[in-house]
Every structure is written in C-alpha cells, then in structure tokens.
Protein backbone atom coordinates (compact mmCIF):
# COMPACT_ATOMS: atom_id res chain seq x y z
CA GLU A 1 13.61 53.06 -19.41
CA LEU A 2 12.15 54.86 -16.41
CA LYS A 3 11.31 58.56 -16.65
CA ILE A 4 10.80 60.56 -13.47
CA TYR A 5 9.38 64.09 -13.51
CA LEU A 6 10.18 66.42 -10.62
CA PRO A 7 8.94 69.99 -10.07
CA ASP A 8 11.55 72.68 -10.63
CA ALA A 9 12.06 74.08 -7.11
CA THR A 10 14.76 76.53 -8.13
CA GLY A 11 14.17 79.89 -6.51
CA SER A 12 10.92 78.81 -4.81
CA ASP A 13 10.06 77.92 -1.24
CA PRO A 14 8.88 74.41 -0.34
CA PRO A 15 5.18 74.09 0.28
CA SER A 16 4.28 75.02 3.86
CA SER A 17 1.26 72.72 4.10
CA PRO A 18 -0.01 69.47 2.55
CA LEU A 19 -3.45 71.09 2.43
CA ASP A 20 -5.02 72.44 -0.74
CA ILE A 21 -6.27 75.70 0.75
CA VAL A 22 -8.97 77.44 -1.29
CA TYR A 23 -9.72 80.33 1.09
CA GLU A 24 -8.71 81.46 4.58
CA ASP A 25 -9.46 84.39 6.85
CA ASP A 26 -9.55 84.94 10.60
CA SER A 27 -12.77 82.94 10.97
CA VAL A 28 -12.65 80.04 8.50
CA LEU A 29 -10.41 77.70 6.58
CA LEU A 30 -11.78 76.27 3.32
CA VAL A 31 -9.85 73.33 1.90
CA ASN A 32 -10.15 71.09 -1.15
CA LYS A 33 -10.30 67.58 0.31
CA ARG A 34 -8.77 64.80 -1.72
CA ALA A 35 -10.54 61.46 -2.00
CA GLY A 36 -9.40 58.75 0.41
CA ILE A 37 -9.00 60.87 3.53
CA SER A 38 -11.69 61.10 6.21
CA VAL A 39 -12.75 64.42 7.69
CA GLU A 40 -12.75 62.97 11.21
CA LYS A 41 -11.73 59.69 12.85
CA ASP A 42 -13.66 56.70 11.54
CA ALA A 43 -13.25 53.04 10.63
CA HIS A 44 -10.86 53.92 7.79
CA GLY A 45 -8.21 54.96 10.32
CA GLY A 46 -5.13 57.02 9.52
CA ILE A 47 -4.59 60.75 9.56
CA THR A 48 -7.69 62.86 9.05
CA LEU A 49 -8.38 66.16 7.32
CA THR A 50 -9.06 67.66 10.75
CA ASP A 51 -5.59 66.49 11.87
CA LEU A 52 -3.99 68.22 8.86
CA CYS A 53 -5.94 71.44 9.42
CA THR A 54 -5.04 71.45 13.12
CA ALA A 55 -1.35 70.93 12.33
CA TYR A 56 -1.48 73.77 9.80
CA ILE A 57 -3.16 76.21 12.20
CA THR A 58 -1.11 75.35 15.31
CA ALA A 59 2.17 75.53 13.38
CA LYS A 60 1.47 79.25 13.03
CA ASP A 61 0.03 79.72 16.53
CA PRO A 62 0.30 76.85 19.07
CA SER A 63 -2.39 78.47 21.24
CA ALA A 64 -4.90 78.82 18.38
CA PHE A 65 -8.40 77.37 18.57
CA PRO A 66 -8.34 73.92 16.93
CA PRO A 67 -10.30 74.11 13.67
CA ALA A 68 -13.68 72.39 13.68
CA ALA A 69 -15.29 70.81 10.63
CA CYS A 70 -18.61 72.50 9.87
CA HIS A 71 -19.85 69.60 7.72
CA ARG A 72 -18.67 66.20 6.52
CA LEU A 73 -17.70 64.62 3.22
CA ASP A 74 -17.49 60.86 2.70
CA ASN A 75 -14.00 59.39 2.72
CA ARG A 76 -14.14 58.78 -1.05
CA THR A 77 -15.74 62.12 -1.91
CA CYS A 78 -13.46 65.01 -2.84
CA GLY A 79 -14.07 68.74 -2.82
CA LEU A 80 -14.75 71.71 -0.59
CA CYS A 81 -14.76 71.25 3.17
CA LEU A 82 -15.25 74.19 5.52
CA PHE A 83 -13.58 74.52 8.95
CA ALA A 84 -14.29 77.13 11.61
CA LYS A 85 -11.26 78.74 13.28
CA THR A 86 -13.05 80.34 16.25
CA PRO A 87 -15.80 79.23 18.65
CA GLU A 88 -17.98 82.08 17.34
CA ALA A 89 -17.57 80.88 13.75
CA VAL A 90 -18.49 77.32 14.81
CA ASP A 91 -21.79 78.55 16.26
CA ILE A 92 -22.59 80.83 13.30
CA LEU A 93 -21.86 78.24 10.61
CA GLN A 94 -23.56 75.35 12.41
CA GLU A 95 -26.65 77.54 12.69
CA ALA A 96 -26.39 78.35 8.98
CA PHE A 97 -26.37 74.64 8.17
CA ARG A 98 -29.31 73.97 10.46
CA ARG A 99 -31.32 76.81 8.92
CA ARG A 100 -30.14 75.81 5.42
CA THR A 101 -28.82 79.28 4.65
CA LEU A 102 -25.55 77.53 3.71
CA GLU A 103 -26.14 75.59 0.50
CA LYS A 104 -23.94 72.72 -0.75
CA TYR A 105 -23.60 71.77 -4.41
CA TYR A 106 -21.86 68.77 -5.96
CA VAL A 107 -21.02 67.54 -9.44
CA CYS A 108 -21.12 63.82 -10.18
CA LEU A 109 -21.23 61.27 -12.99
CA VAL A 110 -24.10 58.77 -12.95
CA ARG A 111 -25.29 55.82 -15.00
CA GLY A 112 -27.95 56.61 -17.58
CA ILE A 113 -30.16 59.52 -18.59
CA MET A 114 -32.11 61.36 -15.90
CA LYS A 115 -35.86 61.61 -16.50
CA PRO A 116 -36.84 64.34 -15.88
CA PRO A 117 -33.55 66.14 -16.55
CA ALA A 118 -34.00 68.22 -13.38
CA ALA A 119 -35.98 67.60 -10.21
CA VAL A 120 -36.14 67.92 -6.44
CA CYS A 121 -36.56 64.45 -4.94
CA HIS A 122 -37.97 63.55 -1.53
CA ALA A 123 -37.45 60.25 0.28
CA TRP A 124 -36.60 58.69 3.65
CA LEU A 125 -33.18 57.45 4.79
CA VAL A 126 -32.50 54.73 7.36
CA LYS A 127 -29.03 54.15 8.80
CA ASP A 128 -27.63 50.65 9.17
CA PRO A 129 -24.72 51.12 11.62
CA LEU A 130 -23.88 47.41 11.61
CA HIS A 131 -23.00 47.46 7.90
CA ALA A 132 -21.94 51.15 7.79
CA GLU A 133 -24.44 52.02 5.09
CA VAL A 134 -27.88 53.53 4.63
CA ARG A 135 -31.14 52.56 2.94
CA ILE A 136 -33.57 54.78 1.02
CA THR A 137 -37.34 54.25 1.15
CA ASP A 138 -40.21 56.15 -0.47
CA HIS A 139 -42.23 56.17 2.77
CA GLU A 140 -41.59 56.74 6.44
CA VAL A 141 -40.44 53.73 8.47
CA PRO A 142 -39.19 53.48 12.07
CA GLY A 143 -35.86 55.26 12.48
CA ALA A 144 -36.07 56.98 9.09
CA ARG A 145 -35.19 60.62 8.50
CA PRO A 146 -36.45 62.71 5.56
CA VAL A 147 -34.01 63.51 2.74
CA VAL A 148 -34.33 66.07 -0.04
CA THR A 149 -31.97 66.03 -3.02
CA GLY A 150 -32.12 68.37 -5.99
CA TYR A 151 -30.38 67.74 -9.31
CA GLU A 152 -30.02 69.20 -12.79
CA THR A 153 -28.46 67.51 -15.80
CA LEU A 154 -25.36 69.22 -17.18
CA LYS A 155 -24.64 66.60 -19.84
CA SER A 156 -26.87 63.69 -20.76
CA GLY A 157 -25.86 60.28 -22.11
CA PRO A 158 -25.01 56.71 -21.10
CA ILE A 159 -23.00 58.45 -18.39
CA SER A 160 -24.60 61.74 -17.37
CA ARG A 161 -23.05 64.66 -15.53
CA LEU A 162 -25.24 66.18 -12.82
CA ARG A 163 -25.15 69.21 -10.56
CA VAL A 164 -26.63 68.13 -7.25
CA HIS A 165 -28.03 70.38 -4.53
CA LEU A 166 -27.71 68.63 -1.17
CA ILE A 167 -30.71 70.17 0.58
CA THR A 168 -30.60 67.85 3.61
CA GLY A 169 -27.18 66.56 4.60
CA ARG A 170 -27.55 62.94 5.67
CA THR A 171 -24.93 60.18 5.65
CA HIS A 172 -24.22 58.94 2.09
CA GLN A 173 -27.33 60.83 0.96
CA ILE A 174 -26.35 61.65 -2.62
CA ARG A 175 -24.92 58.21 -3.35
CA ALA A 176 -27.83 56.29 -1.84
CA HIS A 177 -30.58 58.56 -3.16
CA LEU A 178 -29.32 58.59 -6.76
CA ALA A 179 -28.87 54.81 -6.65
CA ALA A 180 -32.45 54.45 -5.40
CA LEU A 181 -33.57 56.56 -8.38
CA GLY A 182 -31.83 54.05 -10.68
CA HIS A 183 -28.84 56.24 -11.50
CA PRO A 184 -25.93 55.27 -9.22
CA VAL A 185 -22.81 57.41 -9.04
CA LEU A 186 -20.01 56.09 -11.23
CA GLY A 187 -17.32 54.40 -9.16
CA ASP A 188 -19.64 53.65 -6.23
CA ASP A 189 -19.39 49.96 -5.40
CA LEU A 190 -21.37 50.25 -2.14
CA TYR A 191 -24.66 51.56 -3.58
CA GLY A 192 -23.92 51.41 -7.27
CA ASP A 193 -23.39 49.05 -10.19
CA ARG A 194 -20.09 47.20 -9.80
CA ASP A 195 -20.17 45.63 -13.25
CA PHE A 196 -20.79 49.03 -14.84
CA ASN A 197 -17.94 50.54 -12.80
CA ARG A 198 -15.59 47.79 -13.99
CA ARG A 199 -16.58 48.24 -17.63
CA GLU A 200 -15.98 51.98 -17.36
CA LYS A 201 -12.71 51.44 -15.43
CA ALA A 202 -13.99 53.75 -12.69
CA ARG A 203 -11.59 53.19 -9.81
CA SER A 204 -12.65 56.25 -7.85
CA LEU A 205 -15.96 57.76 -6.80
CA LYS A 206 -17.01 60.38 -9.36
CA LEU A 207 -18.50 62.79 -6.84
CA CYS A 208 -17.06 66.19 -5.91
CA ALA A 209 -18.25 69.00 -3.64
CA VAL A 210 -17.78 72.00 -5.92
CA SER A 211 -19.61 74.96 -4.38
CA LEU A 212 -20.80 76.46 -1.09
CA LYS A 213 -23.25 79.36 -1.05
CA ILE A 214 -23.10 81.11 2.31
CA ASP A 215 -25.41 83.56 4.07
CA THR A 216 -24.67 84.38 7.72
CA GLU A 217 -26.86 87.53 7.70
CA GLY A 218 -23.83 89.73 8.26
CA ARG A 219 -22.30 87.82 11.16
CA LEU A 220 -19.39 86.70 8.96
CA PRO A 221 -19.51 89.41 6.28
CA ASN A 222 -16.43 88.15 4.43
CA LEU A 223 -18.35 85.00 3.51
CA ASP A 224 -21.82 86.29 2.72
CA GLY A 225 -22.72 85.84 -0.93
C-alpha cells in the first residue's frame, strides 16, 4: 500500500517562487537557504541560490539589478542568506560586514559538553585549496588569517545545542573551529567524527544560520535593529 499526500490547492494560487522568502523590500531580499544548494557557482555544480534569486527578481522586472549575495553559507548549511537588490545596498551591506556592524548567529548541534559553557575563542585559519578544506591552528603560520568564534550553550549533554556568533566570517570557520575545540558539528564528515555521525544517524549537517543583527547607521533604515 502506497500513500501519497498532496497539498490541497483548491482556491489557492500556485507558489510564484521556489524560494523561501523571509523578508523583502526595495533594497534587500532575505531568503531561507535549504541545505544542499550553493550560494554561488562552485565545485558542487547545479543551480545556485543566486540563480534562483535572479530568476525571481527578473521575472517581475527584466531590467532589475541582479541580486548580489552579501555573504556566503556553506553548501550543506541552511538558514538566512541576505541579497542586495541595488548597487547602493551592495556597498552599504558589504561595508557593514567589513566593519562588523552586521552580526551573524547560528544554532548547531555538537558532540559533547562545552567547557566552559560559553566563550569567545581565537585561533588562526589556513586554507587548503587543493583539498577544498581549511585547517585551524592556535598560533600564526604563513598564510593564516585570524578567526574569532563566540558560542553559548543552549542545551548541554552528549549532544549539545549551541548558539554561535560568527565574529569573523572565514571559509568553514564554525565547522573547523568547533572541531578543533574537540566538539565537531553533528553530521560533519569533513571536519567531524564520522563514526559518531553514523551512530547518531546524522545524514545532514546540523548547522543553521538563524539570525542577522543589522546596523547600517540609518543608510538602510528598514533594516536597522
């Protein structure tokens, strides 16, 4: 017996976009990215989140400015991703990221109990382009860039739930930094504990971008606060 469940479309319009749009105004488009899609073209191939946002915007106005991603999420990370809809918004939001007046917060599940339960951690990150991964060190080495990651424990146990403040936004920073601290993100086979992931039947990366706190000093007043 095979049961198939379909949404009742009676009296409703079909969805106009495959995007999960959280917020939109004349300057920005904020979408909830699903895991498994890349923000921009990369080795994973296939359609990107930028492609979907561009199709959504240009379907309404073919001459519109193509939306530009203001930051990146890993292919396997889900959550909030912010796009600028005008050249002015691109400049304002990129400056906000550079000055760190735009704060990014994530929630994740990790192996083990964090000690201390909350901290701001400093380290150095080195990219390895050949293997498409990064390495964390506790001291400066050639090619390394400083990383700062804050966390607080929301629920503690064999698998703990953390709220993470991404203070510097480097490639794979949260995944690599937490793994270096001995608490890899559940479902992360690249930096994490594969045996633990298998035992917990974690087939996806348990990491989600849940919050953006924005301050453009009045240049985009709809977003401030």
